[in-house]
Amino acid sequence: MDLYVADELNGCTKAYPALKTIGTNAHAANRSVKTIMTANTTDSNLYGAIDHWVLLDSVQQWPALPFTGGGDLWSYTSCNAGFGNAPEWMVDYPPINERIQAGFLNWTQGATGILYYRADGWSAGNTLGSWNNVDTTNCEGGHKRRGRNISLSAWSDRLQ
């Protein structure tokens, strides 16, 4: 079980005491519970409190390998296309993008997991309805990127 404790609190030092308390309490209650946090890069101030560091691929701030800080590394992608060279998991992008992240980027950066933002954000109530009525405005700031919050199975089945 993973406990998602923070989302992109990059440089938010005022949150450190609360994050450390959450990590300490979660680990004391059940050591098999792993804390997870999305960020641009790892933060040595939170080593021991965060078990899974989930780094945004497009920001490209991976730590030096081998990573010896606390926890392990995961990756994720989001609406932020970053520098334009990160894989995107959107309907209108080639399916190879998913394999690039999991099969190449994670391997080269020492990441052992992938966080997918959401797989249950149907825009029209079900798979087929969501495919036929893709919500292109639900990304932060109204970015029009097809596939955000649509189940992977909703469009991967269509691509076969």
N, C-alpha and C. Protein backbone atom coordinates (compact mmCIF):
# COMPACT_ATOMS: atom_id res chain seq x y z
N MET A 1 0.84 -1.17 0.00
CA MET A 1 0.00 0.00 0.00
C MET A 1 0.89 1.24 0.00
N ASP A 2 0.53 2.20 -0.83
CA ASP A 2 1.27 3.46 -0.89
C ASP A 2 0.39 4.59 -0.36
N LEU A 3 0.98 5.47 0.43
CA LEU A 3 0.30 6.63 0.95
C LEU A 3 0.82 7.85 0.22
N TYR A 4 -0.02 8.45 -0.60
CA TYR A 4 0.34 9.61 -1.41
C TYR A 4 0.31 10.83 -0.51
N VAL A 5 1.49 11.32 -0.11
CA VAL A 5 1.55 12.37 0.91
C VAL A 5 1.66 13.79 0.35
N ALA A 6 2.14 13.95 -0.87
CA ALA A 6 2.30 15.30 -1.40
C ALA A 6 2.40 15.27 -2.92
N ASP A 7 1.95 16.35 -3.52
CA ASP A 7 1.99 16.47 -4.97
C ASP A 7 2.70 17.76 -5.36
N GLU A 8 3.89 17.61 -5.90
CA GLU A 8 4.68 18.71 -6.46
C GLU A 8 4.88 19.87 -5.48
N LEU A 9 5.32 19.55 -4.28
CA LEU A 9 5.65 20.60 -3.29
C LEU A 9 7.12 20.99 -3.44
N ASN A 10 7.50 21.34 -4.64
CA ASN A 10 8.89 21.66 -4.95
C ASN A 10 9.35 22.91 -4.20
N GLY A 11 10.35 22.72 -3.34
CA GLY A 11 10.92 23.84 -2.60
C GLY A 11 10.03 24.42 -1.52
N CYS A 12 8.99 23.74 -1.16
CA CYS A 12 8.05 24.23 -0.14
C CYS A 12 8.55 23.77 1.23
N THR A 13 9.55 24.46 1.74
CA THR A 13 10.20 24.05 2.98
C THR A 13 9.28 24.10 4.20
N LYS A 14 8.26 24.92 4.16
CA LYS A 14 7.32 25.00 5.28
C LYS A 14 6.53 23.70 5.45
N ALA A 15 6.49 22.88 4.40
CA ALA A 15 5.76 21.60 4.47
C ALA A 15 6.62 20.48 5.06
N TYR A 16 7.93 20.69 5.18
CA TYR A 16 8.81 19.62 5.65
C TYR A 16 8.41 19.02 6.99
N PRO A 17 8.12 19.82 8.02
CA PRO A 17 7.75 19.22 9.30
C PRO A 17 6.51 18.32 9.18
N ALA A 18 5.51 18.78 8.45
CA ALA A 18 4.29 17.97 8.30
C ALA A 18 4.58 16.69 7.52
N LEU A 19 5.38 16.78 6.46
CA LEU A 19 5.71 15.59 5.67
C LEU A 19 6.52 14.59 6.49
N LYS A 20 7.44 15.09 7.30
CA LYS A 20 8.22 14.20 8.17
C LYS A 20 7.32 13.51 9.19
N THR A 21 6.38 14.24 9.75
CA THR A 21 5.44 13.67 10.72
C THR A 21 4.57 12.60 10.05
N ILE A 22 4.07 12.90 8.87
CA ILE A 22 3.25 11.92 8.15
C ILE A 22 4.06 10.67 7.87
N GLY A 23 5.29 10.82 7.37
CA GLY A 23 6.14 9.67 7.09
C GLY A 23 6.44 8.85 8.33
N THR A 24 6.78 9.53 9.43
CA THR A 24 7.08 8.85 10.69
C THR A 24 5.86 8.08 11.19
N ASN A 25 4.71 8.72 11.16
CA ASN A 25 3.48 8.07 11.64
C ASN A 25 3.08 6.89 10.77
N ALA A 26 3.18 7.06 9.46
CA ALA A 26 2.83 5.95 8.55
C ALA A 26 3.75 4.76 8.78
N HIS A 27 5.05 5.02 8.89
CA HIS A 27 6.01 3.92 9.09
C HIS A 27 5.84 3.26 10.46
N ALA A 28 5.52 4.05 11.48
CA ALA A 28 5.32 3.50 12.81
C ALA A 28 4.06 2.63 12.86
N ALA A 29 3.04 3.03 12.13
CA ALA A 29 1.79 2.27 12.13
C ALA A 29 1.93 0.95 11.40
N ASN A 30 2.67 0.97 10.28
CA ASN A 30 2.83 -0.24 9.48
C ASN A 30 3.97 -0.01 8.50
N ARG A 31 5.10 -0.64 8.75
CA ARG A 31 6.29 -0.41 7.93
C ARG A 31 6.09 -0.81 6.47
N SER A 32 5.11 -1.63 6.17
CA SER A 32 4.89 -2.02 4.77
C SER A 32 4.20 -0.90 3.98
N VAL A 33 3.64 0.09 4.68
CA VAL A 33 3.04 1.24 4.00
C VAL A 33 4.18 2.14 3.52
N LYS A 34 4.19 2.45 2.24
CA LYS A 34 5.22 3.29 1.64
C LYS A 34 4.64 4.66 1.30
N THR A 35 5.38 5.69 1.67
CA THR A 35 4.95 7.05 1.34
C THR A 35 5.43 7.40 -0.06
N ILE A 36 4.63 8.19 -0.75
CA ILE A 36 4.93 8.54 -2.13
C ILE A 36 4.70 10.04 -2.32
N MET A 37 5.61 10.68 -3.08
CA MET A 37 5.51 12.12 -3.31
C MET A 37 6.00 12.44 -4.71
N THR A 38 5.23 13.25 -5.44
CA THR A 38 5.69 13.73 -6.74
C THR A 38 6.50 15.00 -6.53
N ALA A 39 7.57 15.12 -7.30
CA ALA A 39 8.45 16.28 -7.17
C ALA A 39 9.30 16.40 -8.43
N ASN A 40 9.98 17.54 -8.55
CA ASN A 40 10.90 17.70 -9.67
C ASN A 40 12.18 16.91 -9.45
N THR A 41 12.60 16.81 -8.19
CA THR A 41 13.80 16.07 -7.84
C THR A 41 13.69 15.61 -6.39
N THR A 42 14.59 14.76 -5.97
CA THR A 42 14.58 14.31 -4.58
C THR A 42 15.07 15.45 -3.68
N ASP A 43 14.78 15.34 -2.40
CA ASP A 43 15.17 16.37 -1.44
C ASP A 43 15.73 15.67 -0.21
N SER A 44 17.01 15.86 0.04
CA SER A 44 17.67 15.16 1.15
C SER A 44 17.05 15.51 2.50
N ASN A 45 16.36 16.63 2.61
CA ASN A 45 15.69 17.00 3.86
C ASN A 45 14.55 16.05 4.20
N LEU A 46 14.08 15.31 3.21
CA LEU A 46 12.94 14.41 3.43
C LEU A 46 13.32 12.93 3.30
N TYR A 47 14.59 12.64 3.18
CA TYR A 47 15.02 11.24 3.14
C TYR A 47 14.59 10.57 4.45
N GLY A 48 14.01 9.41 4.34
CA GLY A 48 13.48 8.69 5.50
C GLY A 48 11.98 8.88 5.64
N ALA A 49 11.48 10.04 5.23
CA ALA A 49 10.04 10.30 5.29
C ALA A 49 9.34 9.87 4.01
N ILE A 50 10.04 9.97 2.88
CA ILE A 50 9.47 9.62 1.58
C ILE A 50 10.13 8.34 1.08
N ASP A 51 9.30 7.36 0.72
CA ASP A 51 9.82 6.08 0.23
C ASP A 51 9.92 6.02 -1.29
N HIS A 52 8.93 6.59 -1.98
CA HIS A 52 8.93 6.59 -3.44
C HIS A 52 8.98 8.04 -3.92
N TRP A 53 10.09 8.42 -4.53
CA TRP A 53 10.24 9.75 -5.14
C TRP A 53 9.76 9.63 -6.58
N VAL A 54 8.66 10.29 -6.90
CA VAL A 54 8.09 10.21 -8.24
C VAL A 54 8.44 11.51 -8.96
N LEU A 55 9.36 11.39 -9.93
CA LEU A 55 9.91 12.57 -10.59
C LEU A 55 9.30 12.79 -11.96
N LEU A 56 9.03 14.04 -12.25
CA LEU A 56 8.44 14.43 -13.53
C LEU A 56 9.51 14.33 -14.60
N ASP A 57 9.29 13.45 -15.59
CA ASP A 57 10.27 13.23 -16.65
C ASP A 57 10.67 14.50 -17.36
N SER A 58 9.70 15.36 -17.67
CA SER A 58 9.99 16.52 -18.50
C SER A 58 10.89 17.56 -17.83
N VAL A 59 10.99 17.53 -16.51
CA VAL A 59 11.83 18.50 -15.81
C VAL A 59 13.30 18.09 -15.87
N GLN A 60 13.57 16.82 -15.98
CA GLN A 60 14.92 16.27 -16.15
C GLN A 60 15.87 16.65 -15.02
N GLN A 61 15.42 16.44 -13.77
CA GLN A 61 16.27 16.71 -12.62
C GLN A 61 16.50 15.43 -11.82
N TRP A 62 16.93 14.39 -12.50
CA TRP A 62 17.18 13.11 -11.85
C TRP A 62 18.48 13.17 -11.06
N PRO A 63 18.53 12.49 -9.91
CA PRO A 63 19.78 12.47 -9.13
C PRO A 63 20.82 11.59 -9.80
N ALA A 64 22.06 11.79 -9.38
CA ALA A 64 23.16 10.97 -9.90
C ALA A 64 22.94 9.51 -9.50
N LEU A 65 23.37 8.61 -10.36
CA LEU A 65 23.27 7.18 -10.08
C LEU A 65 24.61 6.65 -9.62
N PRO A 66 24.61 5.66 -8.76
CA PRO A 66 23.43 5.04 -8.17
C PRO A 66 22.82 5.95 -7.12
N PHE A 67 21.49 5.96 -7.07
CA PHE A 67 20.77 6.78 -6.10
C PHE A 67 20.91 6.13 -4.74
N THR A 68 21.52 6.84 -3.81
CA THR A 68 21.75 6.30 -2.47
C THR A 68 20.99 7.07 -1.40
N GLY A 69 20.14 7.99 -1.84
CA GLY A 69 19.32 8.73 -0.87
C GLY A 69 18.25 7.81 -0.31
N GLY A 70 17.40 8.35 0.48
CA GLY A 70 16.32 7.55 1.05
C GLY A 70 15.27 7.21 0.01
N GLY A 71 14.79 5.99 0.02
CA GLY A 71 13.72 5.56 -0.87
C GLY A 71 14.19 5.16 -2.24
N ASP A 72 13.23 5.10 -3.17
CA ASP A 72 13.56 4.73 -4.55
C ASP A 72 12.95 5.74 -5.51
N LEU A 73 13.25 5.58 -6.78
CA LEU A 73 12.82 6.53 -7.80
C LEU A 73 11.72 5.93 -8.67
N TRP A 74 10.73 6.74 -8.96
CA TRP A 74 9.68 6.43 -9.93
C TRP A 74 9.63 7.59 -10.91
N SER A 75 8.81 7.47 -11.94
CA SER A 75 8.63 8.57 -12.87
C SER A 75 7.15 8.79 -13.14
N TYR A 76 6.85 9.96 -13.70
CA TYR A 76 5.50 10.23 -14.17
C TYR A 76 5.55 11.31 -15.24
N THR A 77 4.47 11.41 -15.96
CA THR A 77 4.31 12.46 -16.95
C THR A 77 3.02 13.19 -16.61
N SER A 78 2.87 14.39 -17.10
CA SER A 78 1.66 15.15 -16.79
C SER A 78 1.32 16.06 -17.95
N CYS A 79 0.46 17.02 -17.70
CA CYS A 79 0.11 18.00 -18.73
C CYS A 79 1.32 18.79 -19.17
N ASN A 80 2.28 18.93 -18.28
CA ASN A 80 3.48 19.71 -18.56
C ASN A 80 4.34 18.96 -19.55
N ALA A 81 4.42 19.46 -20.76
CA ALA A 81 5.24 18.82 -21.78
C ALA A 81 6.71 19.16 -21.60
N GLY A 82 7.03 20.00 -20.62
CA GLY A 82 8.41 20.31 -20.28
C GLY A 82 9.18 20.91 -21.42
N PHE A 83 10.31 20.30 -21.72
CA PHE A 83 11.20 20.82 -22.74
C PHE A 83 10.87 20.28 -24.11
N GLY A 84 9.75 19.59 -24.23
CA GLY A 84 9.32 19.07 -25.52
C GLY A 84 9.98 17.76 -25.92
N ASN A 85 10.74 17.16 -25.02
CA ASN A 85 11.40 15.91 -25.36
C ASN A 85 11.05 14.78 -24.41
N ALA A 86 9.99 14.94 -23.65
CA ALA A 86 9.54 13.90 -22.73
C ALA A 86 8.38 13.16 -23.37
N PRO A 87 8.26 11.87 -23.12
CA PRO A 87 7.14 11.11 -23.69
C PRO A 87 5.81 11.59 -23.12
N GLU A 88 4.81 11.62 -23.96
CA GLU A 88 3.47 12.01 -23.54
C GLU A 88 2.54 10.82 -23.71
N TRP A 89 1.66 10.62 -22.76
CA TRP A 89 0.72 9.50 -22.79
C TRP A 89 -0.65 9.99 -23.20
N MET A 90 -0.73 10.64 -24.30
CA MET A 90 -1.99 11.18 -24.77
C MET A 90 -2.45 10.43 -26.02
N VAL A 91 -3.73 10.48 -26.28
CA VAL A 91 -4.32 9.73 -27.39
C VAL A 91 -3.70 10.09 -28.73
N ASP A 92 -3.41 11.36 -28.95
CA ASP A 92 -2.91 11.80 -30.24
C ASP A 92 -1.40 11.65 -30.40
N TYR A 93 -0.74 11.03 -29.44
CA TYR A 93 0.70 10.81 -29.51
C TYR A 93 0.95 9.34 -29.86
N PRO A 94 2.06 9.06 -30.51
CA PRO A 94 2.35 7.66 -30.85
C PRO A 94 2.45 6.78 -29.59
N PRO A 95 1.92 5.56 -29.65
CA PRO A 95 1.96 4.66 -28.49
C PRO A 95 3.37 4.34 -28.01
N ILE A 96 4.37 4.53 -28.84
CA ILE A 96 5.75 4.25 -28.43
C ILE A 96 6.15 5.11 -27.23
N ASN A 97 5.47 6.25 -27.04
CA ASN A 97 5.79 7.12 -25.91
C ASN A 97 5.70 6.39 -24.58
N GLU A 98 4.71 5.54 -24.42
CA GLU A 98 4.58 4.79 -23.17
C GLU A 98 5.77 3.85 -22.97
N ARG A 99 6.20 3.21 -24.02
CA ARG A 99 7.32 2.28 -23.91
C ARG A 99 8.64 3.01 -23.69
N ILE A 100 8.76 4.20 -24.25
CA ILE A 100 9.99 4.97 -24.04
C ILE A 100 10.16 5.28 -22.56
N GLN A 101 9.10 5.71 -21.91
CA GLN A 101 9.21 6.05 -20.50
C GLN A 101 9.52 4.83 -19.65
N ALA A 102 8.71 3.80 -19.77
CA ALA A 102 8.89 2.62 -18.91
C ALA A 102 10.12 1.81 -19.29
N GLY A 103 10.33 1.64 -20.57
CA GLY A 103 11.40 0.74 -21.01
C GLY A 103 12.75 1.38 -21.17
N PHE A 104 12.81 2.68 -21.37
CA PHE A 104 14.09 3.32 -21.60
C PHE A 104 14.42 4.35 -20.53
N LEU A 105 13.57 5.35 -20.37
CA LEU A 105 13.89 6.41 -19.41
C LEU A 105 14.00 5.89 -17.99
N ASN A 106 13.05 5.07 -17.56
CA ASN A 106 13.13 4.54 -16.20
C ASN A 106 14.40 3.72 -16.02
N TRP A 107 14.72 2.92 -17.00
CA TRP A 107 15.92 2.07 -16.89
C TRP A 107 17.18 2.92 -16.80
N THR A 108 17.30 3.94 -17.65
CA THR A 108 18.51 4.76 -17.65
C THR A 108 18.64 5.61 -16.40
N GLN A 109 17.52 5.94 -15.76
CA GLN A 109 17.55 6.80 -14.58
C GLN A 109 17.44 6.02 -13.27
N GLY A 110 17.35 4.71 -13.35
CA GLY A 110 17.27 3.89 -12.14
C GLY A 110 15.91 3.89 -11.48
N ALA A 111 14.88 4.29 -12.22
CA ALA A 111 13.52 4.31 -11.66
C ALA A 111 12.90 2.92 -11.72
N THR A 112 12.17 2.58 -10.70
CA THR A 112 11.58 1.24 -10.61
C THR A 112 10.07 1.23 -10.70
N GLY A 113 9.45 2.40 -10.83
CA GLY A 113 8.00 2.45 -10.91
C GLY A 113 7.53 3.64 -11.73
N ILE A 114 6.25 3.58 -12.09
CA ILE A 114 5.61 4.66 -12.83
C ILE A 114 4.32 5.02 -12.13
N LEU A 115 4.08 6.30 -11.99
CA LEU A 115 2.82 6.79 -11.46
C LEU A 115 2.00 7.29 -12.64
N TYR A 116 0.79 6.77 -12.78
CA TYR A 116 -0.12 7.29 -13.78
C TYR A 116 -1.14 8.12 -13.03
N TYR A 117 -1.32 9.35 -13.45
CA TYR A 117 -2.14 10.32 -12.72
C TYR A 117 -3.50 9.76 -12.36
N ARG A 118 -4.19 9.21 -13.32
CA ARG A 118 -5.55 8.78 -13.04
C ARG A 118 -6.04 7.87 -14.15
N ALA A 119 -6.76 6.84 -13.80
CA ALA A 119 -7.29 5.93 -14.80
C ALA A 119 -8.80 5.81 -14.71
N ASP A 120 -9.43 6.69 -13.95
CA ASP A 120 -10.87 6.58 -13.78
C ASP A 120 -11.60 7.89 -14.06
N GLY A 121 -10.96 8.80 -14.77
CA GLY A 121 -11.57 10.10 -15.04
C GLY A 121 -12.35 10.11 -16.33
N TRP A 122 -13.39 9.30 -16.39
CA TRP A 122 -14.21 9.23 -17.60
C TRP A 122 -14.83 10.59 -17.89
N SER A 123 -14.74 11.03 -19.14
CA SER A 123 -15.33 12.32 -19.50
C SER A 123 -16.78 12.18 -19.96
N ALA A 124 -17.22 10.94 -20.22
CA ALA A 124 -18.60 10.76 -20.70
C ALA A 124 -19.27 9.55 -20.06
N GLY A 125 -18.79 9.12 -18.91
CA GLY A 125 -19.47 8.07 -18.17
C GLY A 125 -19.00 6.65 -18.44
N ASN A 126 -18.36 6.39 -19.58
CA ASN A 126 -17.88 5.04 -19.86
C ASN A 126 -16.80 5.09 -20.94
N THR A 127 -16.22 3.95 -21.24
CA THR A 127 -15.10 3.89 -22.17
C THR A 127 -15.45 4.41 -23.55
N LEU A 128 -16.45 3.83 -24.19
CA LEU A 128 -16.79 4.23 -25.55
C LEU A 128 -17.28 5.67 -25.61
N GLY A 129 -18.11 6.05 -24.66
CA GLY A 129 -18.59 7.42 -24.64
C GLY A 129 -17.46 8.42 -24.43
N SER A 130 -16.49 8.06 -23.60
CA SER A 130 -15.35 8.94 -23.37
C SER A 130 -14.49 9.05 -24.62
N TRP A 131 -14.31 7.96 -25.33
CA TRP A 131 -13.52 7.99 -26.56
C TRP A 131 -14.19 8.88 -27.61
N ASN A 132 -15.48 8.75 -27.73
CA ASN A 132 -16.20 9.51 -28.75
C ASN A 132 -16.42 10.97 -28.36
N ASN A 133 -16.27 11.29 -27.09
CA ASN A 133 -16.47 12.66 -26.61
C ASN A 133 -15.30 13.06 -25.72
N VAL A 134 -14.11 13.07 -26.28
CA VAL A 134 -12.91 13.32 -25.50
C VAL A 134 -12.92 14.73 -24.93
N ASP A 135 -12.70 14.82 -23.63
CA ASP A 135 -12.62 16.11 -22.95
C ASP A 135 -11.21 16.64 -23.15
N THR A 136 -11.05 17.65 -23.97
CA THR A 136 -9.72 18.19 -24.24
C THR A 136 -9.40 19.41 -23.40
N THR A 137 -10.24 19.75 -22.45
CA THR A 137 -10.02 20.97 -21.68
C THR A 137 -9.82 20.71 -20.19
N ASN A 138 -9.69 19.46 -19.76
CA ASN A 138 -9.64 19.22 -18.32
C ASN A 138 -8.24 19.25 -17.75
N CYS A 139 -7.25 19.55 -18.54
CA CYS A 139 -5.88 19.68 -18.05
C CYS A 139 -5.74 21.07 -17.43
N GLU A 140 -4.88 21.20 -16.45
CA GLU A 140 -4.70 22.49 -15.79
C GLU A 140 -4.49 23.58 -16.82
N GLY A 141 -5.16 24.70 -16.66
CA GLY A 141 -5.01 25.81 -17.56
C GLY A 141 -5.72 25.62 -18.89
N GLY A 142 -6.51 24.56 -19.02
CA GLY A 142 -7.26 24.32 -20.24
C GLY A 142 -6.43 23.85 -21.41
N HIS A 143 -5.26 23.25 -21.14
CA HIS A 143 -4.44 22.72 -22.23
C HIS A 143 -5.23 21.67 -22.98
N LYS A 144 -5.16 21.69 -24.27
CA LYS A 144 -5.91 20.72 -25.07
C LYS A 144 -5.01 19.56 -25.45
N ARG A 145 -4.97 18.58 -24.59
CA ARG A 145 -4.19 17.37 -24.86
C ARG A 145 -5.12 16.19 -24.66
N ARG A 146 -5.47 15.57 -25.71
CA ARG A 146 -6.40 14.45 -25.64
C ARG A 146 -5.84 13.31 -24.79
N GLY A 147 -6.71 12.76 -23.96
CA GLY A 147 -6.33 11.59 -23.19
C GLY A 147 -6.10 11.84 -21.73
N ARG A 148 -6.01 13.06 -21.29
CA ARG A 148 -5.78 13.34 -19.88
C ARG A 148 -6.96 12.80 -19.08
N ASN A 149 -6.69 11.96 -18.12
CA ASN A 149 -7.68 11.39 -17.21
C ASN A 149 -8.56 10.33 -17.87
N ILE A 150 -8.24 9.91 -19.05
CA ILE A 150 -9.03 8.85 -19.68
C ILE A 150 -8.30 7.54 -19.44
N SER A 151 -9.03 6.54 -19.08
CA SER A 151 -8.44 5.25 -18.79
C SER A 151 -7.55 4.78 -19.92
N LEU A 152 -6.38 4.26 -19.56
CA LEU A 152 -5.47 3.72 -20.57
C LEU A 152 -6.16 2.68 -21.43
N SER A 153 -6.98 1.85 -20.79
CA SER A 153 -7.65 0.81 -21.57
C SER A 153 -8.64 1.41 -22.55
N ALA A 154 -9.15 2.59 -22.25
CA ALA A 154 -10.12 3.22 -23.14
C ALA A 154 -9.53 3.51 -24.50
N TRP A 155 -8.30 3.92 -24.54
CA TRP A 155 -7.73 4.22 -25.85
C TRP A 155 -6.76 3.15 -26.34
N SER A 156 -6.16 2.37 -25.46
CA SER A 156 -5.23 1.35 -25.96
C SER A 156 -6.01 0.25 -26.68
N ASP A 157 -7.24 -0.05 -26.23
CA ASP A 157 -8.05 -1.03 -26.94
C ASP A 157 -8.40 -0.52 -28.33
N ARG A 158 -8.62 0.78 -28.45
CA ARG A 158 -8.97 1.37 -29.74
C ARG A 158 -7.80 1.34 -30.71
N LEU A 159 -6.57 1.37 -30.19
CA LEU A 159 -5.39 1.42 -31.06
C LEU A 159 -5.05 0.06 -31.65
N GLN A 160 -5.60 -1.01 -31.11
CA GLN A 160 -5.24 -2.35 -31.58
C GLN A 160 -5.93 -2.70 -32.87
